[in-house]
């Protein structure tokens, strides 16, 4: 889904595994820092796995973010974490899970105590990305959501929420998805190519242009709340690109565009960043998730 990403810049100081480190200015394969101060190479492996920042009010909201092995997945995870951590209205504590982390795979233990699981964007190979989550991920995430947890899938994470995936290269439909969305077909791409674009959307009721790259349009199951639709050239509503749907006692939210994209993403793609594209739409999405599925005031 992604070709190249740079980490969101400049959020001051982060609380990381018992210490304070300066927030990184940028990331990439050049060895600049990422969201927890480690080298941004996915193979660095030995650093701390939790970070947080507390500008908001109320109890800390615990979030598990999967950080895949390829650089696209690393950068998307870091960008999503910074969107969460910088939220002035809530206090988030983010825990990484992934191949370079101390916890490698998604299972019941990895999700214990979490309020929200985030599957960020990443590369084009959905089958490989699903396998990287580990064999227990579908059952563990299904149980987590049905018991009251929240799943947020952005771009790649939206594709993975389906029961079926499309194999990269030949387009064959295979199993291996998480099965969190109704239906028995893989999600289909909104756009026509692999390039980054700026598309117009109706985002939570407001016209907003956002960064898009290879994300899906999303069939709307019965009872789901549509959060965003593409806008056709004549202003009419196009395909659904973000929705929230109940699963048991929990919530599944899937999103095609990238509300976590900051100015550096647009710069890298030689695009002009639209007005109000960051951080507002991403923060509004997070607020909507916790409006639909509030967290308890205390544990």
C-alpha atoms as a PDB file:
ATOM      1  CA  UNK A   1       0.000   0.000   0.000  1.00  0.00           C
ATOM      2  CA  UNK A   2       2.923   2.330   0.640  1.00  0.00           C
ATOM      3  CA  UNK A   3       6.153   3.023  -1.201  1.00  0.00           C
ATOM      4  CA  UNK A   4       8.087   5.445   1.007  1.00  0.00           C
ATOM      5  CA  UNK A   5       7.300   7.180   4.265  1.00  0.00           C
ATOM      6  CA  UNK A   6       9.005   9.611   6.585  1.00  0.00           C
ATOM      7  CA  UNK A   7       8.200   9.802  10.288  1.00  0.00           C
ATOM      8  CA  UNK A   8       6.009  12.583  11.608  1.00  0.00           C
ATOM      9  CA  UNK A   9       8.217  15.327  12.965  1.00  0.00           C
ATOM     10  CA  UNK A  10       8.695  17.217  16.172  1.00  0.00           C
ATOM     11  CA  UNK A  11       6.498  16.144  19.077  1.00  0.00           C
ATOM     12  CA  UNK A  12       8.895  17.174  21.825  1.00  0.00           C
ATOM     13  CA  UNK A  13       9.787  14.549  24.418  1.00  0.00           C
ATOM     14  CA  UNK A  14       8.381  11.060  24.688  1.00  0.00           C
ATOM     15  CA  UNK A  15       8.214   8.902  27.798  1.00  0.00           C
ATOM     16  CA  UNK A  16       9.884   5.638  26.815  1.00  0.00           C
ATOM     17  CA  UNK A  17      10.210   2.548  28.996  1.00  0.00           C
ATOM     18  CA  UNK A  18      11.072   4.473  32.122  1.00  0.00           C
ATOM     19  CA  UNK A  19      13.128   7.287  30.602  1.00  0.00           C
ATOM     20  CA  UNK A  20      12.894  10.430  28.526  1.00  0.00           C
ATOM     21  CA  UNK A  21      14.281  10.705  25.019  1.00  0.00           C
ATOM     22  CA  UNK A  22      14.006  13.497  22.458  1.00  0.00           C
ATOM     23  CA  UNK A  23      11.454  12.893  19.735  1.00  0.00           C
ATOM     24  CA  UNK A  24      13.042  12.147  16.389  1.00  0.00           C
ATOM     25  CA  UNK A  25      13.025  14.719  13.635  1.00  0.00           C
ATOM     26  CA  UNK A  26      12.634  12.262  10.754  1.00  0.00           C
ATOM     27  CA  UNK A  27      13.027   8.610   9.869  1.00  0.00           C
ATOM     28  CA  UNK A  28      14.066   6.379   7.034  1.00  0.00           C
ATOM     29  CA  UNK A  29      16.748   3.798   6.348  1.00  0.00           C
ATOM     30  CA  UNK A  30      19.472   6.337   7.050  1.00  0.00           C
ATOM     31  CA  UNK A  31      19.487   5.557  10.776  1.00  0.00           C
ATOM     32  CA  UNK A  32      17.589   8.549  12.144  1.00  0.00           C
ATOM     33  CA  UNK A  33      15.473   7.928  15.224  1.00  0.00           C
ATOM     34  CA  UNK A  34      11.918   6.712  15.301  1.00  0.00           C
ATOM     35  CA  UNK A  35       9.038   7.122  17.712  1.00  0.00           C
ATOM     36  CA  UNK A  36      10.816   5.530  20.657  1.00  0.00           C
ATOM     37  CA  UNK A  37      14.312   6.792  19.941  1.00  0.00           C
ATOM     38  CA  UNK A  38      15.621   3.596  18.337  1.00  0.00           C
ATOM     39  CA  UNK A  39      17.216   3.246  14.958  1.00  0.00           C
ATOM     40  CA  UNK A  40      14.398   3.165  12.424  1.00  0.00           C
ATOM     41  CA  UNK A  41      15.671   0.017  10.713  1.00  0.00           C
ATOM     42  CA  UNK A  42      13.113  -2.722  11.246  1.00  0.00           C
ATOM     43  CA  UNK A  43      15.886  -5.103  12.141  1.00  0.00           C
ATOM     44  CA  UNK A  44      17.263  -3.120  15.083  1.00  0.00           C
ATOM     45  CA  UNK A  45      15.365  -5.347  17.464  1.00  0.00           C
ATOM     46  CA  UNK A  46      16.619  -4.745  20.973  1.00  0.00           C
ATOM     47  CA  UNK A  47      15.047  -1.463  22.090  1.00  0.00           C
ATOM     48  CA  UNK A  48      12.196  -0.778  24.482  1.00  0.00           C
ATOM     49  CA  UNK A  49       8.722  -1.683  23.298  1.00  0.00           C
ATOM     50  CA  UNK A  50       6.488   0.891  25.017  1.00  0.00           C
ATOM     51  CA  UNK A  51       6.185   4.630  24.751  1.00  0.00           C
ATOM     52  CA  UNK A  52       3.707   7.268  25.802  1.00  0.00           C
ATOM     53  CA  UNK A  53       2.972  10.915  26.327  1.00  0.00           C
ATOM     54  CA  UNK A  54       0.298  12.376  28.562  1.00  0.00           C
ATOM     55  CA  UNK A  55      -1.087  15.722  27.441  1.00  0.00           C
ATOM     56  CA  UNK A  56      -4.663  14.502  27.709  1.00  0.00           C
ATOM     57  CA  UNK A  57      -6.975  13.901  30.631  1.00  0.00           C
ATOM     58  CA  UNK A  58      -8.495  10.780  32.137  1.00  0.00           C
ATOM     59  CA  UNK A  59      -6.911   7.383  32.514  1.00  0.00           C
ATOM     60  CA  UNK A  60      -4.269   6.191  30.093  1.00  0.00           C
ATOM     61  CA  UNK A  61      -5.643   4.373  27.049  1.00  0.00           C
ATOM     62  CA  UNK A  62      -3.495   1.362  26.217  1.00  0.00           C
ATOM     63  CA  UNK A  63      -2.846   0.780  22.530  1.00  0.00           C
ATOM     64  CA  UNK A  64      -1.063  -2.106  20.817  1.00  0.00           C
ATOM     65  CA  UNK A  65       0.405  -1.144  17.427  1.00  0.00           C
ATOM     66  CA  UNK A  66       1.840  -3.788  15.114  1.00  0.00           C
ATOM     67  CA  UNK A  67       5.142  -2.814  13.523  1.00  0.00           C
ATOM     68  CA  UNK A  68       5.894  -4.975  10.498  1.00  0.00           C
ATOM     69  CA  UNK A  69       9.277  -5.973   9.142  1.00  0.00           C
ATOM     70  CA  UNK A  70       9.474  -3.827   6.001  1.00  0.00           C
ATOM     71  CA  UNK A  71      10.324  -0.136   6.136  1.00  0.00           C
ATOM     72  CA  UNK A  72       6.919   0.939   4.860  1.00  0.00           C
ATOM     73  CA  UNK A  73       5.215  -0.832   7.748  1.00  0.00           C
ATOM     74  CA  UNK A  74       7.682   0.607  10.274  1.00  0.00           C
ATOM     75  CA  UNK A  75       7.139   4.151   9.045  1.00  0.00           C
ATOM     76  CA  UNK A  76       3.347   3.816   8.972  1.00  0.00           C
ATOM     77  CA  UNK A  77       3.330   2.410  12.507  1.00  0.00           C
ATOM     78  CA  UNK A  78       5.506   5.250  13.756  1.00  0.00           C
ATOM     79  CA  UNK A  79       3.298   7.848  12.100  1.00  0.00           C
ATOM     80  CA  UNK A  80       0.169   6.335  13.625  1.00  0.00           C
ATOM     81  CA  UNK A  81       1.768   6.201  17.071  1.00  0.00           C
ATOM     82  CA  UNK A  82       2.710   9.866  16.891  1.00  0.00           C
ATOM     83  CA  UNK A  83      -0.811  10.823  15.913  1.00  0.00           C
ATOM     84  CA  UNK A  84      -2.068   9.019  19.009  1.00  0.00           C
ATOM     85  CA  UNK A  85       0.606  10.238  21.396  1.00  0.00           C
ATOM     86  CA  UNK A  86       0.182  13.864  20.356  1.00  0.00           C
ATOM     87  CA  UNK A  87      -3.565  13.842  21.005  1.00  0.00           C
ATOM     88  CA  UNK A  88      -4.260  16.688  23.464  1.00  0.00           C
ATOM     89  CA  UNK A  89      -7.579  15.223  24.576  1.00  0.00           C
ATOM     90  CA  UNK A  90      -6.429  11.749  25.633  1.00  0.00           C
ATOM     91  CA  UNK A  91      -3.454  10.036  27.216  1.00  0.00           C
ATOM     92  CA  UNK A  92      -2.271   7.100  25.146  1.00  0.00           C
ATOM     93  CA  UNK A  93       0.339   4.501  26.040  1.00  0.00           C
ATOM     94  CA  UNK A  94       1.534   2.683  22.927  1.00  0.00           C
ATOM     95  CA  UNK A  95       3.106  -0.771  22.949  1.00  0.00           C
ATOM     96  CA  UNK A  96       4.828  -2.142  19.863  1.00  0.00           C
ATOM     97  CA  UNK A  97       4.432  -5.712  18.708  1.00  0.00           C
ATOM     98  CA  UNK A  98       6.324  -6.997  15.690  1.00  0.00           C
ATOM     99  CA  UNK A  99       9.332  -8.863  14.322  1.00  0.00           C
ATOM    100  CA  UNK A 100      11.861  -6.396  15.741  1.00  0.00           C
ATOM    101  CA  UNK A 101      10.142  -6.103  19.139  1.00  0.00           C
ATOM    102  CA  UNK A 102      10.370  -8.193  22.289  1.00  0.00           C
ATOM    103  CA  UNK A 103       6.835  -9.445  21.576  1.00  0.00           C
ATOM    104  CA  UNK A 104       6.873 -10.755  18.008  1.00  0.00           C
ATOM    105  CA  UNK A 105       3.315 -11.868  17.274  1.00  0.00           C
ATOM    106  CA  UNK A 106      -0.289 -11.068  18.101  1.00  0.00           C
ATOM    107  CA  UNK A 107      -1.848 -13.438  20.604  1.00  0.00           C
ATOM    108  CA  UNK A 108      -3.944 -13.189  23.758  1.00  0.00           C
ATOM    109  CA  UNK A 109      -0.952 -12.235  25.891  1.00  0.00           C
ATOM    110  CA  UNK A 110       0.068  -9.421  23.519  1.00  0.00           C
ATOM    111  CA  UNK A 111      -3.445  -7.950  23.717  1.00  0.00           C
ATOM    112  CA  UNK A 112      -3.935  -8.357  27.476  1.00  0.00           C
ATOM    113  CA  UNK A 113      -5.039  -5.077  29.021  1.00  0.00           C
ATOM    114  CA  UNK A 114      -5.246  -3.211  25.697  1.00  0.00           C
ATOM    115  CA  UNK A 115      -8.097  -0.869  24.832  1.00  0.00           C
ATOM    116  CA  UNK A 116      -7.266  -0.493  21.128  1.00  0.00           C
ATOM    117  CA  UNK A 117      -5.344  -2.510  18.568  1.00  0.00           C
ATOM    118  CA  UNK A 118      -3.990  -0.668  15.524  1.00  0.00           C
ATOM    119  CA  UNK A 119      -2.949  -2.377  12.297  1.00  0.00           C
ATOM    120  CA  UNK A 120      -1.252   0.399  10.301  1.00  0.00           C
ATOM    121  CA  UNK A 121      -0.460   0.683   6.607  1.00  0.00           C
ATOM    122  CA  UNK A 122       2.441  -1.117   4.955  1.00  0.00           C
ATOM    123  CA  UNK A 123       3.481  -2.854   1.761  1.00  0.00           C
ATOM    124  CA  UNK A 124       1.427  -4.464  -0.991  1.00  0.00           C
ATOM    125  CA  UNK A 125       1.730  -8.128   0.037  1.00  0.00           C
ATOM    126  CA  UNK A 126      -1.299  -8.675   2.253  1.00  0.00           C
ATOM    127  CA  UNK A 127      -0.708 -12.430   2.516  1.00  0.00           C
ATOM    128  CA  UNK A 128       2.819 -11.943   3.858  1.00  0.00           C
ATOM    129  CA  UNK A 129       1.646  -9.179   6.204  1.00  0.00           C
ATOM    130  CA  UNK A 130      -1.084 -11.402   7.634  1.00  0.00           C
ATOM    131  CA  UNK A 131       1.367 -14.264   8.175  1.00  0.00           C
ATOM    132  CA  UNK A 132       3.715 -11.918  10.014  1.00  0.00           C
ATOM    133  CA  UNK A 133       1.041 -11.328  12.678  1.00  0.00           C
ATOM    134  CA  UNK A 134       1.406 -14.947  13.750  1.00  0.00           C
ATOM    135  CA  UNK A 135      -0.895 -17.981  13.611  1.00  0.00           C
ATOM    136  CA  UNK A 136      -2.896 -16.981  16.695  1.00  0.00           C
ATOM    137  CA  UNK A 137      -3.694 -13.451  15.488  1.00  0.00           C
ATOM    138  CA  UNK A 138      -7.128 -14.069  13.868  1.00  0.00           C
ATOM    139  CA  UNK A 139      -8.536 -15.903  16.887  1.00  0.00           C
ATOM    140  CA  UNK A 140      -6.893 -13.572  19.405  1.00  0.00           C
ATOM    141  CA  UNK A 141      -8.091 -10.390  17.695  1.00  0.00           C
ATOM    142  CA  UNK A 142     -11.578 -11.803  17.185  1.00  0.00           C
ATOM    143  CA  UNK A 143     -11.821 -12.637  20.875  1.00  0.00           C
ATOM    144  CA  UNK A 144     -10.315  -9.265  21.847  1.00  0.00           C
ATOM    145  CA  UNK A 145     -12.884  -7.287  19.850  1.00  0.00           C
ATOM    146  CA  UNK A 146     -15.876  -9.438  20.782  1.00  0.00           C
ATOM    147  CA  UNK A 147     -14.982  -8.918  24.445  1.00  0.00           C
ATOM    148  CA  UNK A 148     -15.139  -5.131  24.048  1.00  0.00           C
ATOM    149  CA  UNK A 149     -11.853  -4.179  22.389  1.00  0.00           C
ATOM    150  CA  UNK A 150     -11.390  -1.876  19.411  1.00  0.00           C
ATOM    151  CA  UNK A 151      -9.629  -2.599  16.107  1.00  0.00           C
ATOM    152  CA  UNK A 152      -8.386   0.216  13.860  1.00  0.00           C
ATOM    153  CA  UNK A 153      -7.082  -0.838  10.454  1.00  0.00           C
ATOM    154  CA  UNK A 154      -5.600   1.793   8.149  1.00  0.00           C
ATOM    155  CA  UNK A 155      -5.042   0.941   4.464  1.00  0.00           C
ATOM    156  CA  UNK A 156      -3.196  -2.407   4.749  1.00  0.00           C
ATOM    157  CA  UNK A 157      -4.897  -2.860   8.123  1.00  0.00           C
ATOM    158  CA  UNK A 158      -8.285  -2.507   6.438  1.00  0.00           C
ATOM    159  CA  UNK A 159      -7.446  -5.180   3.862  1.00  0.00           C
ATOM    160  CA  UNK A 160      -6.256  -7.529   6.618  1.00  0.00           C
ATOM    161  CA  UNK A 161      -9.539  -7.159   8.551  1.00  0.00           C
ATOM    162  CA  UNK A 162     -11.382  -9.108   5.852  1.00  0.00           C
ATOM    163  CA  UNK A 163     -11.618 -12.897   5.940  1.00  0.00           C
ATOM    164  CA  UNK A 164     -10.096 -13.288   2.470  1.00  0.00           C
ATOM    165  CA  UNK A 165      -7.033 -11.660   0.946  1.00  0.00           C
ATOM    166  CA  UNK A 166      -5.809 -11.158  -2.603  1.00  0.00           C
ATOM    167  CA  UNK A 167      -2.412 -12.643  -3.329  1.00  0.00           C
ATOM    168  CA  UNK A 168       0.102 -10.082  -4.572  1.00  0.00           C
ATOM    169  CA  UNK A 169       1.147 -10.714  -8.162  1.00  0.00           C
ATOM    170  CA  UNK A 170      -1.547 -13.040  -9.498  1.00  0.00           C
ATOM    171  CA  UNK A 171      -4.600 -11.655  -7.680  1.00  0.00           C
ATOM    172  CA  UNK A 172      -5.714 -15.081  -6.450  1.00  0.00           C
ATOM    173  CA  UNK A 173      -8.152 -15.024  -3.540  1.00  0.00           C
ATOM    174  CA  UNK A 174      -6.849 -16.851  -0.490  1.00  0.00           C
ATOM    175  CA  UNK A 175      -7.714 -17.179   3.179  1.00  0.00           C
ATOM    176  CA  UNK A 176      -5.602 -15.855   5.995  1.00  0.00           C
ATOM    177  CA  UNK A 177      -7.368 -12.579   6.782  1.00  0.00           C
ATOM    178  CA  UNK A 178      -8.483 -11.680  10.278  1.00  0.00           C
ATOM    179  CA  UNK A 179     -12.192 -12.221   9.628  1.00  0.00           C
ATOM    180  CA  UNK A 180     -13.302  -9.101  11.495  1.00  0.00           C
ATOM    181  CA  UNK A 181     -15.490  -7.816   8.647  1.00  0.00           C
ATOM    182  CA  UNK A 182     -18.601  -9.442   7.230  1.00  0.00           C
ATOM    183  CA  UNK A 183     -18.319 -10.946   3.774  1.00  0.00           C
ATOM    184  CA  UNK A 184     -16.236 -13.555   2.023  1.00  0.00           C
ATOM    185  CA  UNK A 185     -14.369 -11.491  -0.570  1.00  0.00           C
ATOM    186  CA  UNK A 186     -11.142  -9.476  -0.360  1.00  0.00           C
ATOM    187  CA  UNK A 187     -11.500  -5.703  -0.177  1.00  0.00           C
ATOM    188  CA  UNK A 188     -10.882  -3.947  -3.472  1.00  0.00           C
ATOM    189  CA  UNK A 189      -8.726  -0.905  -4.152  1.00  0.00           C
ATOM    190  CA  UNK A 190     -10.392   2.503  -4.445  1.00  0.00           C
ATOM    191  CA  UNK A 191      -7.938   3.946  -6.985  1.00  0.00           C
ATOM    192  CA  UNK A 192      -6.494   2.700 -10.252  1.00  0.00           C
ATOM    193  CA  UNK A 193      -2.727   2.727  -9.618  1.00  0.00           C
ATOM    194  CA  UNK A 194      -0.015   2.490  -6.972  1.00  0.00           C
ATOM    195  CA  UNK A 195       0.825   6.196  -6.886  1.00  0.00           C
ATOM    196  CA  UNK A 196       0.108   8.606  -4.059  1.00  0.00           C
ATOM    197  CA  UNK A 197      -2.843  10.908  -4.695  1.00  0.00           C
ATOM    198  CA  UNK A 198      -4.882  13.560  -2.977  1.00  0.00           C
ATOM    199  CA  UNK A 199      -8.548  12.624  -3.124  1.00  0.00           C
ATOM    200  CA  UNK A 200     -11.594  14.509  -1.896  1.00  0.00           C
ATOM    201  CA  UNK A 201     -13.695  12.817   0.755  1.00  0.00           C
ATOM    202  CA  UNK A 202     -16.668  13.493   2.926  1.00  0.00           C
ATOM    203  CA  UNK A 203     -14.919  12.775   6.207  1.00  0.00           C
ATOM    204  CA  UNK A 204     -17.151  12.598   9.275  1.00  0.00           C
ATOM    205  CA  UNK A 205     -19.624  14.869   7.538  1.00  0.00           C
ATOM    206  CA  UNK A 206     -17.138  17.464   6.278  1.00  0.00           C
ATOM    207  CA  UNK A 207     -15.461  17.835   2.885  1.00  0.00           C
ATOM    208  CA  UNK A 208     -11.756  17.057   3.330  1.00  0.00           C
ATOM    209  CA  UNK A 209      -8.938  16.190   0.944  1.00  0.00           C
ATOM    210  CA  UNK A 210      -6.525  13.512   2.222  1.00  0.00           C
ATOM    211  CA  UNK A 211      -3.505  11.462   1.249  1.00  0.00           C
ATOM    212  CA  UNK A 212      -4.380   8.211  -0.496  1.00  0.00           C
ATOM    213  CA  UNK A 213      -2.235   5.369  -1.797  1.00  0.00           C
ATOM    214  CA  UNK A 214      -3.708   2.006  -2.820  1.00  0.00           C
ATOM    215  CA  UNK A 215      -6.250   1.832  -0.011  1.00  0.00           C
ATOM    216  CA  UNK A 216      -9.552  -0.048  -0.303  1.00  0.00           C
ATOM    217  CA  UNK A 217     -13.131   0.921  -0.747  1.00  0.00           C
ATOM    218  CA  UNK A 218     -15.196  -0.918   1.838  1.00  0.00           C
ATOM    219  CA  UNK A 219     -18.532  -2.726   1.476  1.00  0.00           C
ATOM    220  CA  UNK A 220     -20.955  -1.547   4.145  1.00  0.00           C
ATOM    221  CA  UNK A 221     -22.348  -4.358   6.314  1.00  0.00           C
ATOM    222  CA  UNK A 222     -25.741  -4.091   7.963  1.00  0.00           C
ATOM    223  CA  UNK A 223     -25.641  -1.860  11.029  1.00  0.00           C
ATOM    224  CA  UNK A 224     -22.291  -0.248  10.224  1.00  0.00           C
ATOM    225  CA  UNK A 225     -21.747   3.497  10.532  1.00  0.00           C
ATOM    226  CA  UNK A 226     -20.191   5.069   7.456  1.00  0.00           C
ATOM    227  CA  UNK A 227     -17.487   7.526   8.510  1.00  0.00           C
ATOM    228  CA  UNK A 228     -16.144   8.632   5.125  1.00  0.00           C
ATOM    229  CA  UNK A 229     -16.964   8.362   1.446  1.00  0.00           C
ATOM    230  CA  UNK A 230     -15.060   9.391  -1.653  1.00  0.00           C
ATOM    231  CA  UNK A 231     -16.482  12.390  -3.492  1.00  0.00           C
ATOM    232  CA  UNK A 232     -17.151  12.099  -7.202  1.00  0.00           C
ATOM    233  CA  UNK A 233     -16.266  14.965  -9.527  1.00  0.00           C
ATOM    234  CA  UNK A 234     -19.880  16.148  -9.491  1.00  0.00           C
ATOM    235  CA  UNK A 235     -19.869  16.218  -5.694  1.00  0.00           C
ATOM    236  CA  UNK A 236     -21.983  13.093  -5.276  1.00  0.00           C
ATOM    237  CA  UNK A 237     -21.014  10.352  -2.859  1.00  0.00           C
ATOM    238  CA  UNK A 238     -18.621   7.709  -4.142  1.00  0.00           C
ATOM    239  CA  UNK A 239     -17.435   4.493  -2.492  1.00  0.00           C
ATOM    240  CA  UNK A 240     -17.257   4.129   1.266  1.00  0.00           C
ATOM    241  CA  UNK A 241     -13.641   4.442   2.448  1.00  0.00           C
ATOM    242  CA  UNK A 242     -14.063   4.382   6.239  1.00  0.00           C
ATOM    243  CA  UNK A 243     -16.610   2.767   8.506  1.00  0.00           C
ATOM    244  CA  UNK A 244     -17.139   1.444  12.011  1.00  0.00           C
ATOM    245  CA  UNK A 245     -19.031  -1.737  12.737  1.00  0.00           C
ATOM    246  CA  UNK A 246     -19.874  -3.667  15.876  1.00  0.00           C
ATOM    247  CA  UNK A 247     -18.447  -7.103  16.497  1.00  0.00           C
ATOM    248  CA  UNK A 248     -19.751  -8.592  19.726  1.00  0.00           C
ATOM    249  CA  UNK A 249     -19.183  -6.041  22.475  1.00  0.00           C
ATOM    250  CA  UNK A 250     -16.388  -4.308  20.546  1.00  0.00           C
ATOM    251  CA  UNK A 251     -15.793  -2.156  17.489  1.00  0.00           C
ATOM    252  CA  UNK A 252     -13.998  -2.599  14.165  1.00  0.00           C
ATOM    253  CA  UNK A 253     -12.982   0.579  12.330  1.00  0.00           C
ATOM    254  CA  UNK A 254     -11.375   0.347   8.890  1.00  0.00           C
ATOM    255  CA  UNK A 255     -10.025   3.238   6.812  1.00  0.00           C
ATOM    256  CA  UNK A 256      -8.696   3.430   3.242  1.00  0.00           C
ATOM    257  CA  UNK A 257      -6.974   6.867   3.138  1.00  0.00           C
ATOM    258  CA  UNK A 258      -4.167   8.021   5.452  1.00  0.00           C
ATOM    259  CA  UNK A 259      -5.300  10.559   8.068  1.00  0.00           C
ATOM    260  CA  UNK A 260      -1.972   9.986   9.870  1.00  0.00           C
ATOM    261  CA  UNK A 261      -0.048  11.513   6.934  1.00  0.00           C
ATOM    262  CA  UNK A 262       1.762  14.705   7.896  1.00  0.00           C
ATOM    263  CA  UNK A 263       3.417  17.285   5.629  1.00  0.00           C
ATOM    264  CA  UNK A 264       6.474  15.100   4.998  1.00  0.00           C
ATOM    265  CA  UNK A 265       4.361  12.461   3.265  1.00  0.00           C
ATOM    266  CA  UNK A 266       3.027  15.036   0.827  1.00  0.00           C
ATOM    267  CA  UNK A 267       6.529  16.457   0.309  1.00  0.00           C
ATOM    268  CA  UNK A 268       7.924  12.998  -0.471  1.00  0.00           C
ATOM    269  CA  UNK A 269       5.173  12.437  -3.042  1.00  0.00           C
ATOM    270  CA  UNK A 270       5.572  15.944  -4.525  1.00  0.00           C
ATOM    271  CA  UNK A 271       2.021  16.817  -3.545  1.00  0.00           C
ATOM    272  CA  UNK A 272       0.696  19.985  -1.953  1.00  0.00           C
ATOM    273  CA  UNK A 273      -0.718  19.240   1.469  1.00  0.00           C
ATOM    274  CA  UNK A 274      -4.430  20.148   1.629  1.00  0.00           C
ATOM    275  CA  UNK A 275      -5.698  22.586   4.234  1.00  0.00           C
ATOM    276  CA  UNK A 276      -6.586  20.897   7.538  1.00  0.00           C
ATOM    277  CA  UNK A 277      -5.345  17.472   6.398  1.00  0.00           C
ATOM    278  CA  UNK A 278      -3.255  16.906   9.550  1.00  0.00           C
ATOM    279  CA  UNK A 279      -3.735  16.257  12.419  1.00  0.00           C
ATOM    280  CA  UNK A 280      -7.446  17.108  12.545  1.00  0.00           C
ATOM    281  CA  UNK A 281      -8.980  14.237  10.526  1.00  0.00           C
ATOM    282  CA  UNK A 282      -6.926  11.615  12.363  1.00  0.00           C
ATOM    283  CA  UNK A 283      -7.791  13.037  15.768  1.00  0.00           C
ATOM    284  CA  UNK A 284     -11.460  13.210  14.762  1.00  0.00           C
ATOM    285  CA  UNK A 285     -11.336   9.544  13.773  1.00  0.00           C
ATOM    286  CA  UNK A 286      -9.830   8.562  17.118  1.00  0.00           C
ATOM    287  CA  UNK A 287     -12.457  10.608  18.946  1.00  0.00           C
ATOM    288  CA  UNK A 288     -15.198   8.880  16.947  1.00  0.00           C
ATOM    289  CA  UNK A 289     -13.884   5.435  17.847  1.00  0.00           C
ATOM    290  CA  UNK A 290     -14.009   6.225  21.552  1.00  0.00           C
ATOM    291  CA  UNK A 291     -17.374   7.940  21.193  1.00  0.00           C
ATOM    292  CA  UNK A 292     -18.813   4.757  19.689  1.00  0.00           C
ATOM    293  CA  UNK A 293     -16.959   2.495  22.119  1.00  0.00           C
ATOM    294  CA  UNK A 294     -16.064   4.480  25.250  1.00  0.00           C
ATOM    295  CA  UNK A 295     -13.395   3.281  27.665  1.00  0.00           C
ATOM    296  CA  UNK A 296     -14.153   2.847  31.356  1.00  0.00           C
ATOM    297  CA  UNK A 297     -12.959   5.733  33.512  1.00  0.00           C
ATOM    298  CA  UNK A 298     -10.895   3.339  35.589  1.00  0.00           C
ATOM    299  CA  UNK A 299      -9.801  -0.269  35.421  1.00  0.00           C
END
